[in-house]
């Protein structure tokens, strides 16, 4: 399952619990903060990645410059 599918599932469950009065606004706020912090830390741990089409390739430099 992809990241966005995981987020959709998590959010759906969270909102269902809120709708069923199993969570209040403070619980929703805390759940969002925890999820955002987790995502931020995962991004930090992964480090910067080159943008698509830029950065290192397996092709030699002369090939990338059209020579």
PDB file of N, CA and C in Angstrom:
ATOM      1  N   UNK A   1       0.855  -1.172   0.000  1.00  0.00           N
ATOM      2  CA  UNK A   1       0.000   0.000   0.000  1.00  0.00           C
ATOM      3  C   UNK A   1       0.901   1.236   0.000  1.00  0.00           C
ATOM      4  N   UNK A   2       0.527   2.238  -0.762  1.00  0.00           N
ATOM      5  CA  UNK A   2       1.319   3.446  -0.865  1.00  0.00           C
ATOM      6  C   UNK A   2       1.069   4.398   0.291  1.00  0.00           C
ATOM      7  N   UNK A   3       1.919   5.408   0.350  1.00  0.00           N
ATOM      8  CA  UNK A   3       1.843   6.387   1.438  1.00  0.00           C
ATOM      9  C   UNK A   3       0.479   7.079   1.486  1.00  0.00           C
ATOM     10  N   UNK A   4       0.010   7.563   0.342  1.00  0.00           N
ATOM     11  CA  UNK A   4      -1.262   8.296   0.338  1.00  0.00           C
ATOM     12  C   UNK A   4      -2.433   7.380   0.703  1.00  0.00           C
ATOM     13  N   UNK A   5      -2.383   6.130   0.291  1.00  0.00           N
ATOM     14  CA  UNK A   5      -3.430   5.188   0.676  1.00  0.00           C
ATOM     15  C   UNK A   5      -3.411   4.955   2.183  1.00  0.00           C
ATOM     16  N   UNK A   6      -2.209   4.862   2.750  1.00  0.00           N
ATOM     17  CA  UNK A   6      -2.088   4.719   4.205  1.00  0.00           C
ATOM     18  C   UNK A   6      -2.660   5.931   4.933  1.00  0.00           C
ATOM     19  N   UNK A   7      -2.364   7.126   4.417  1.00  0.00           N
ATOM     20  CA  UNK A   7      -2.880   8.353   5.033  1.00  0.00           C
ATOM     21  C   UNK A   7      -4.395   8.401   4.913  1.00  0.00           C
ATOM     22  N   UNK A   8      -4.933   8.046   3.752  1.00  0.00           N
ATOM     23  CA  UNK A   8      -6.390   8.030   3.570  1.00  0.00           C
ATOM     24  C   UNK A   8      -7.063   7.077   4.550  1.00  0.00           C
ATOM     25  N   UNK A   9      -6.473   5.888   4.708  1.00  0.00           N
ATOM     26  CA  UNK A   9      -7.040   4.906   5.639  1.00  0.00           C
ATOM     27  C   UNK A   9      -6.982   5.438   7.074  1.00  0.00           C
ATOM     28  N   UNK A  10      -5.828   5.980   7.466  1.00  0.00           N
ATOM     29  CA  UNK A  10      -5.651   6.527   8.817  1.00  0.00           C
ATOM     30  C   UNK A  10      -6.639   7.655   9.077  1.00  0.00           C
ATOM     31  N   UNK A  11      -6.759   8.567   8.117  1.00  0.00           N
ATOM     32  CA  UNK A  11      -7.656   9.701   8.289  1.00  0.00           C
ATOM     33  C   UNK A  11      -9.113   9.253   8.343  1.00  0.00           C
ATOM     34  N   UNK A  12      -9.478   8.308   7.510  1.00  0.00           N
ATOM     35  CA  UNK A  12     -10.843   7.772   7.532  1.00  0.00           C
ATOM     36  C   UNK A  12     -11.201   7.165   8.878  1.00  0.00           C
ATOM     37  N   UNK A  13     -10.279   6.392   9.430  1.00  0.00           N
ATOM     38  CA  UNK A  13     -10.515   5.788  10.744  1.00  0.00           C
ATOM     39  C   UNK A  13     -10.605   6.851  11.837  1.00  0.00           C
ATOM     40  N   UNK A  14      -9.733   7.835  11.750  1.00  0.00           N
ATOM     41  CA  UNK A  14      -9.719   8.909  12.735  1.00  0.00           C
ATOM     42  C   UNK A  14     -11.035   9.691  12.700  1.00  0.00           C
ATOM     43  N   UNK A  15     -11.480  10.055  11.513  1.00  0.00           N
ATOM     44  CA  UNK A  15     -12.721  10.813  11.388  1.00  0.00           C
ATOM     45  C   UNK A  15     -13.947   9.982  11.773  1.00  0.00           C
ATOM     46  N   UNK A  16     -13.899   8.691  11.494  1.00  0.00           N
ATOM     47  CA  UNK A  16     -15.003   7.818  11.918  1.00  0.00           C
ATOM     48  C   UNK A  16     -15.090   7.761  13.435  1.00  0.00           C
ATOM     49  N   UNK A  17     -13.934   7.664  14.096  1.00  0.00           N
ATOM     50  CA  UNK A  17     -13.925   7.675  15.560  1.00  0.00           C
ATOM     51  C   UNK A  17     -14.453   9.004  16.101  1.00  0.00           C
ATOM     52  N   UNK A  18     -14.110  10.095  15.447  1.00  0.00           N
ATOM     53  CA  UNK A  18     -14.609  11.405  15.867  1.00  0.00           C
ATOM     54  C   UNK A  18     -16.126  11.479  15.678  1.00  0.00           C
ATOM     55  N   UNK A  19     -16.603  11.000  14.537  1.00  0.00           N
ATOM     56  CA  UNK A  19     -18.045  11.032  14.254  1.00  0.00           C
ATOM     57  C   UNK A  19     -18.830  10.175  15.245  1.00  0.00           C
ATOM     58  N   UNK A  20     -18.214   9.107  15.727  1.00  0.00           N
ATOM     59  CA  UNK A  20     -18.865   8.224  16.698  1.00  0.00           C
ATOM     60  C   UNK A  20     -18.626   8.667  18.135  1.00  0.00           C
ATOM     61  N   UNK A  21     -18.088   9.871  18.304  1.00  0.00           N
ATOM     62  CA  UNK A  21     -17.820  10.455  19.624  1.00  0.00           C
ATOM     63  C   UNK A  21     -16.830   9.654  20.460  1.00  0.00           C
ATOM     64  N   UNK A  22     -15.946   8.916  19.788  1.00  0.00           N
ATOM     65  CA  UNK A  22     -14.872   8.219  20.510  1.00  0.00           C
ATOM     66  C   UNK A  22     -13.661   9.122  20.665  1.00  0.00           C
ATOM     67  N   UNK A  23     -13.625  10.222  19.893  1.00  0.00           N
ATOM     68  CA  UNK A  23     -12.552  11.219  19.972  1.00  0.00           C
ATOM     69  C   UNK A  23     -13.178  12.609  20.049  1.00  0.00           C
ATOM     70  N   UNK A  24     -12.473  13.523  20.702  1.00  0.00           N
ATOM     71  CA  UNK A  24     -12.917  14.915  20.684  1.00  0.00           C
ATOM     72  C   UNK A  24     -11.911  15.742  19.882  1.00  0.00           C
ATOM     73  N   UNK A  25     -12.146  17.046  19.808  1.00  0.00           N
ATOM     74  CA  UNK A  25     -11.273  17.932  19.017  1.00  0.00           C
ATOM     75  C   UNK A  25      -9.823  17.859  19.502  1.00  0.00           C
ATOM     76  N   UNK A  26      -9.623  17.819  20.805  1.00  0.00           N
ATOM     77  CA  UNK A  26      -8.254  17.742  21.343  1.00  0.00           C
ATOM     78  C   UNK A  26      -7.567  16.459  20.883  1.00  0.00           C
ATOM     79  N   UNK A  27      -8.314  15.352  20.837  1.00  0.00           N
ATOM     80  CA  UNK A  27      -7.747  14.082  20.363  1.00  0.00           C
ATOM     81  C   UNK A  27      -7.366  14.178  18.884  1.00  0.00           C
ATOM     82  N   UNK A  28      -8.244  14.804  18.070  1.00  0.00           N
ATOM     83  CA  UNK A  28      -7.942  14.985  16.653  1.00  0.00           C
ATOM     84  C   UNK A  28      -6.693  15.833  16.473  1.00  0.00           C
ATOM     85  N   UNK A  29      -6.629  16.910  17.216  1.00  0.00           N
ATOM     86  CA  UNK A  29      -5.475  17.809  17.144  1.00  0.00           C
ATOM     87  C   UNK A  29      -4.190  17.055  17.473  1.00  0.00           C
ATOM     88  N   UNK A  30      -4.202  16.290  18.528  1.00  0.00           N
ATOM     89  CA  UNK A  30      -3.024  15.528  18.940  1.00  0.00           C
ATOM     90  C   UNK A  30      -2.647  14.479  17.891  1.00  0.00           C
ATOM     91  N   UNK A  31      -3.638  13.804  17.326  1.00  0.00           N
ATOM     92  CA  UNK A  31      -3.367  12.783  16.309  1.00  0.00           C
ATOM     93  C   UNK A  31      -2.727  13.407  15.067  1.00  0.00           C
ATOM     94  N   UNK A  32      -3.238  14.570  14.642  1.00  0.00           N
ATOM     95  CA  UNK A  32      -2.651  15.259  13.491  1.00  0.00           C
ATOM     96  C   UNK A  32      -1.216  15.682  13.781  1.00  0.00           C
ATOM     97  N   UNK A  33      -0.978  16.237  14.955  1.00  0.00           N
ATOM     98  CA  UNK A  33       0.371  16.674  15.313  1.00  0.00           C
ATOM     99  C   UNK A  33       1.345  15.492  15.307  1.00  0.00           C
ATOM    100  N   UNK A  34       0.916  14.370  15.869  1.00  0.00           N
ATOM    101  CA  UNK A  34       1.780  13.190  15.908  1.00  0.00           C
ATOM    102  C   UNK A  34       2.100  12.687  14.501  1.00  0.00           C
ATOM    103  N   UNK A  35       1.075  12.666  13.627  1.00  0.00           N
ATOM    104  CA  UNK A  35       1.274  12.181  12.264  1.00  0.00           C
ATOM    105  C   UNK A  35       2.191  13.125  11.482  1.00  0.00           C
ATOM    106  N   UNK A  36       2.003  14.426  11.642  1.00  0.00           N
ATOM    107  CA  UNK A  36       2.864  15.390  10.967  1.00  0.00           C
ATOM    108  C   UNK A  36       4.308  15.290  11.448  1.00  0.00           C
ATOM    109  N   UNK A  37       4.491  15.130  12.743  1.00  0.00           N
ATOM    110  CA  UNK A  37       5.838  14.995  13.290  1.00  0.00           C
ATOM    111  C   UNK A  37       6.505  13.715  12.786  1.00  0.00           C
ATOM    112  N   UNK A  38       5.750  12.636  12.740  1.00  0.00           N
ATOM    113  CA  UNK A  38       6.280  11.374  12.221  1.00  0.00           C
ATOM    114  C   UNK A  38       6.714  11.537  10.761  1.00  0.00           C
ATOM    115  N   UNK A  39       5.871  12.184   9.959  1.00  0.00           N
ATOM    116  CA  UNK A  39       6.193  12.401   8.558  1.00  0.00           C
ATOM    117  C   UNK A  39       7.428  13.295   8.408  1.00  0.00           C
ATOM    118  N   UNK A  40       7.503  14.342   9.206  1.00  0.00           N
ATOM    119  CA  UNK A  40       8.653  15.242   9.171  1.00  0.00           C
ATOM    120  C   UNK A  40       9.937  14.488   9.511  1.00  0.00           C
ATOM    121  N   UNK A  41       9.898  13.704  10.552  1.00  0.00           N
ATOM    122  CA  UNK A  41      11.095  12.954  10.961  1.00  0.00           C
ATOM    123  C   UNK A  41      11.501  11.930   9.911  1.00  0.00           C
ATOM    124  N   UNK A  42      10.528  11.281   9.282  1.00  0.00           N
ATOM    125  CA  UNK A  42      10.847  10.332   8.219  1.00  0.00           C
ATOM    126  C   UNK A  42      11.521  11.047   7.048  1.00  0.00           C
ATOM    127  N   UNK A  43      11.030  12.232   6.722  1.00  0.00           N
ATOM    128  CA  UNK A  43      11.649  13.013   5.655  1.00  0.00           C
ATOM    129  C   UNK A  43      13.060  13.431   6.003  1.00  0.00           C
ATOM    130  N   UNK A  44      13.273  13.835   7.242  1.00  0.00           N
ATOM    131  CA  UNK A  44      14.610  14.218   7.676  1.00  0.00           C
ATOM    132  C   UNK A  44      15.562  13.030   7.622  1.00  0.00           C
ATOM    133  N   UNK A  45      15.078  11.867   8.034  1.00  0.00           N
ATOM    134  CA  UNK A  45      15.912  10.666   8.032  1.00  0.00           C
ATOM    135  C   UNK A  45      16.261  10.233   6.612  1.00  0.00           C
ATOM    136  N   UNK A  46      15.352  10.464   5.674  1.00  0.00           N
ATOM    137  CA  UNK A  46      15.591  10.073   4.289  1.00  0.00           C
ATOM    138  C   UNK A  46      16.601  10.996   3.616  1.00  0.00           C
ATOM    139  N   UNK A  47      16.698  12.224   4.096  1.00  0.00           N
ATOM    140  CA  UNK A  47      17.642  13.176   3.513  1.00  0.00           C
ATOM    141  C   UNK A  47      17.122  13.762   2.220  1.00  0.00           C
ATOM    142  N   UNK A  48      17.907  14.650   1.666  1.00  0.00           N
ATOM    143  CA  UNK A  48      17.535  15.298   0.414  1.00  0.00           C
ATOM    144  C   UNK A  48      17.795  14.349  -0.740  1.00  0.00           C
ATOM    145  N   UNK A  49      16.859  14.301  -1.657  1.00  0.00           N
ATOM    146  CA  UNK A  49      17.018  13.497  -2.858  1.00  0.00           C
ATOM    147  C   UNK A  49      17.034  14.440  -4.056  1.00  0.00           C
ATOM    148  N   UNK A  50      17.799  14.100  -5.080  1.00  0.00           N
ATOM    149  CA  UNK A  50      17.811  14.967  -6.262  1.00  0.00           C
ATOM    150  C   UNK A  50      16.431  15.003  -6.913  1.00  0.00           C
ATOM    151  N   UNK A  51      16.085  16.145  -7.515  1.00  0.00           N
ATOM    152  CA  UNK A  51      14.818  16.265  -8.214  1.00  0.00           C
ATOM    153  C   UNK A  51      14.856  15.413  -9.467  1.00  0.00           C
ATOM    154  N   UNK A  52      13.684  15.023  -9.944  1.00  0.00           N
ATOM    155  CA  UNK A  52      13.600  14.213 -11.158  1.00  0.00           C
ATOM    156  C   UNK A  52      14.288  14.938 -12.309  1.00  0.00           C
ATOM    157  N   UNK A  53      15.104  14.204 -13.024  1.00  0.00           N
ATOM    158  CA  UNK A  53      15.788  14.783 -14.164  1.00  0.00           C
ATOM    159  C   UNK A  53      17.059  15.521 -13.806  1.00  0.00           C
ATOM    160  N   UNK A  54      17.360  15.652 -12.528  1.00  0.00           N
ATOM    161  CA  UNK A  54      18.567  16.352 -12.104  1.00  0.00           C
ATOM    162  C   UNK A  54      19.376  15.425 -11.210  1.00  0.00           C
ATOM    163  N   UNK A  55      20.604  15.787 -11.009  1.00  0.00           N
ATOM    164  CA  UNK A  55      21.435  15.003 -10.112  1.00  0.00           C
ATOM    165  C   UNK A  55      22.191  13.926 -10.845  1.00  0.00           C
ATOM    166  N   UNK A  56      22.659  12.993 -10.113  1.00  0.00           N
ATOM    167  CA  UNK A  56      23.530  11.960 -10.644  1.00  0.00           C
ATOM    168  C   UNK A  56      22.756  10.973 -11.511  1.00  0.00           C
ATOM    169  N   UNK A  57      23.352  10.585 -12.617  1.00  0.00           N
ATOM    170  CA  UNK A  57      22.797   9.545 -13.482  1.00  0.00           C
ATOM    171  C   UNK A  57      23.884   8.525 -13.755  1.00  0.00           C
ATOM    172  N   UNK A  58      23.494   7.426 -14.355  1.00  0.00           N
ATOM    173  CA  UNK A  58      24.474   6.404 -14.719  1.00  0.00           C
ATOM    174  C   UNK A  58      25.166   6.735 -16.034  1.00  0.00           C
ATOM    175  N   UNK A  59      24.645   7.737 -16.749  1.00  0.00           N
ATOM    176  CA  UNK A  59      25.224   8.097 -18.038  1.00  0.00           C
ATOM    177  C   UNK A  59      26.428   9.008 -17.818  1.00  0.00           C
ATOM    178  N   UNK A  60      27.437   8.888 -18.662  1.00  0.00           N
ATOM    179  CA  UNK A  60      28.603   9.763 -18.530  1.00  0.00           C
ATOM    180  C   UNK A  60      28.235  11.217 -18.818  1.00  0.00           C
ATOM    181  N   UNK A  61      29.037  12.132 -18.310  1.00  0.00           N
ATOM    182  CA  UNK A  61      28.798  13.560 -18.434  1.00  0.00           C
ATOM    183  C   UNK A  61      28.631  13.980 -19.885  1.00  0.00           C
ATOM    184  N   UNK A  62      29.456  13.474 -20.768  1.00  0.00           N
ATOM    185  CA  UNK A  62      29.373  13.894 -22.175  1.00  0.00           C
ATOM    186  C   UNK A  62      28.026  13.529 -22.780  1.00  0.00           C
ATOM    187  N   UNK A  63      27.422  12.451 -22.335  1.00  0.00           N
ATOM    188  CA  UNK A  63      26.123  12.028 -22.862  1.00  0.00           C
ATOM    189  C   UNK A  63      25.024  12.964 -22.403  1.00  0.00           C
ATOM    190  N   UNK A  64      25.060  13.380 -21.132  1.00  0.00           N
ATOM    191  CA  UNK A  64      24.041  14.257 -20.576  1.00  0.00           C
ATOM    192  C   UNK A  64      24.053  15.620 -21.231  1.00  0.00           C
ATOM    193  N   UNK A  65      25.192  16.048 -21.758  1.00  0.00           N
ATOM    194  CA  UNK A  65      25.286  17.351 -22.372  1.00  0.00           C
ATOM    195  C   UNK A  65      25.064  17.295 -23.874  1.00  0.00           C
ATOM    196  N   UNK A  66      24.625  16.164 -24.361  1.00  0.00           N
ATOM    197  CA  UNK A  66      24.292  16.037 -25.769  1.00  0.00           C
ATOM    198  C   UNK A  66      25.478  15.930 -26.701  1.00  0.00           C
ATOM    199  N   UNK A  67      26.616  15.587 -26.201  1.00  0.00           N
ATOM    200  CA  UNK A  67      27.810  15.451 -27.045  1.00  0.00           C
ATOM    201  C   UNK A  67      27.981  14.033 -27.496  1.00  0.00           C
TER     202      UNK A  67
END
